[in-house]
Protein backbone atom coordinates (compact mmCIF):
# COMPACT_ATOMS: atom_id res chain seq x y z
CA MET A 1 -83.21 122.91 5.35
CA ALA A 2 -85.69 120.67 7.11
CA ARG A 3 -86.70 121.40 10.67
CA ASN A 4 -87.44 118.59 13.12
CA HIS A 5 -91.16 119.22 12.96
CA ASP A 6 -91.45 119.41 9.17
CA PHE A 7 -93.67 116.84 7.48
CA ASN A 8 -91.33 114.09 6.29
CA PHE A 9 -92.35 113.91 2.63
CA ASP A 10 -91.87 115.83 -0.60
CA GLY A 11 -92.52 119.52 -0.04
CA GLY A 12 -93.27 118.91 3.66
CA GLU A 13 -91.38 122.01 4.78
CA HIS A 14 -93.92 124.11 2.83
CA LEU A 15 -96.92 122.27 4.25
CA THR A 16 -95.52 122.79 7.74
CA ILE A 17 -95.55 126.54 7.15
CA MET A 18 -99.23 126.46 6.11
CA GLY A 19 -100.41 123.65 8.36
CA ALA A 20 -102.16 120.59 7.02
CA THR A 21 -105.60 121.59 8.26
CA TRP A 22 -105.25 125.11 6.91
CA PHE A 23 -104.11 123.75 3.56
CA VAL A 24 -107.14 121.47 3.25
CA SER A 25 -109.50 124.20 4.41
CA TYR A 26 -108.16 126.76 1.91
CA SER A 27 -108.09 124.18 -0.90
CA PHE A 28 -111.70 123.30 -0.22
CA TYR A 29 -112.66 127.00 -0.26
CA SER A 30 -110.65 127.61 -3.46
CA LEU A 31 -111.85 124.61 -5.44
CA ARG A 32 -115.23 123.48 -4.05
CA ASP A 33 -117.08 125.82 -1.72
CA LYS A 34 -116.57 129.58 -1.47
CA THR A 35 -118.76 129.64 1.68
CA HIS A 36 -116.20 127.58 3.60
CA LYS A 37 -114.17 130.18 5.53
CA ASN A 38 -112.52 128.32 8.40
CA TRP A 39 -109.11 129.04 6.89
CA GLU A 40 -109.64 132.75 7.69
CA ARG A 41 -109.48 132.04 11.45
CA VAL A 42 -105.71 132.42 11.55
CA GLY A 43 -104.16 135.87 11.39
CA THR A 44 -101.40 134.68 9.04
CA HIS A 45 -103.72 133.50 6.26
CA LYS A 46 -102.39 136.04 3.74
CA SER A 47 -98.80 134.74 3.99
CA ARG A 48 -100.09 131.15 3.91
CA ILE A 49 -101.94 131.92 0.67
CA SER A 50 -98.65 133.00 -0.83
CA VAL A 51 -97.08 129.64 0.06
CA PHE A 52 -100.22 127.84 -1.21
CA ASN A 53 -99.98 129.59 -4.58
CA ARG A 54 -96.33 128.66 -5.15
CA THR A 55 -96.65 125.02 -4.15
CA THR A 56 -99.39 123.76 -6.47
CA LYS A 57 -97.23 120.93 -7.75
CA TYR A 58 -97.51 119.26 -4.33
CA HIS A 59 -101.22 119.78 -3.63
CA LYS A 60 -102.63 116.43 -4.82
CA PHE A 61 -99.79 114.52 -3.17
CA TRP A 62 -100.32 116.40 0.12
CA LEU A 63 -104.06 115.66 0.11
CA GLN A 64 -103.23 111.94 -0.24
CA GLN A 65 -100.74 112.18 2.67
CA ILE A 66 -103.28 113.99 4.88
CA LEU A 67 -105.68 111.05 4.53
CA ASN A 68 -103.11 108.93 6.37
CA MET A 69 -102.34 111.45 9.15
CA ASP A 70 -103.07 110.81 12.80
CA ASP A 71 -106.54 112.03 13.75
CA SER A 72 -105.45 113.16 17.21
CA ARG A 73 -102.83 115.43 15.65
CA LEU A 74 -105.22 116.82 13.07
CA ASN A 75 -107.73 117.55 15.84
CA THR A 76 -105.31 120.06 17.41
CA ASN A 77 -105.99 122.71 14.81
CA LYS A 78 -107.26 126.26 15.50
CA LEU A 79 -109.78 126.21 12.66
CA GLU A 80 -112.49 124.39 14.62
CA LEU A 81 -112.40 121.42 12.23
CA LYS A 82 -112.38 117.78 13.32
CA ALA A 83 -110.04 115.26 11.72
CA THR A 84 -113.05 113.50 10.16
CA GLU A 85 -114.11 116.75 8.46
CA ILE A 86 -110.55 117.48 7.26
CA LYS A 87 -110.19 114.02 5.73
CA LEU A 88 -113.65 114.19 4.15
CA MET A 89 -112.73 117.48 2.48
CA ALA A 90 -109.41 115.98 1.31
CA ARG A 91 -111.27 113.00 -0.19
CA VAL A 92 -113.70 115.33 -1.99
CA LEU A 93 -110.83 117.39 -3.34
CA LEU A 94 -109.17 114.25 -4.70
CA GLU A 95 -112.30 113.23 -6.64
CA PRO A 96 -112.12 113.88 -10.38
């Protein structure tokens, strides 16, 4: 059941649980740069990894959606990442 604050696209309820910034940060760590550790700054990262691992079918689609998200909303994260950094990581992750 969708909550009012869920992302309004396919699998958005799962992305809401992880957070868009956390998702990009962990994806970047997993696929591109093991030295990137911003995703560890939240105490719930272990449960978020569980959601991440069971939602792989959405990952590429979510990265595309994140590129269109409002920068001011993305800037409210607790991972000390700016929207421009988040979107750059998403673009890199979408590269073949």
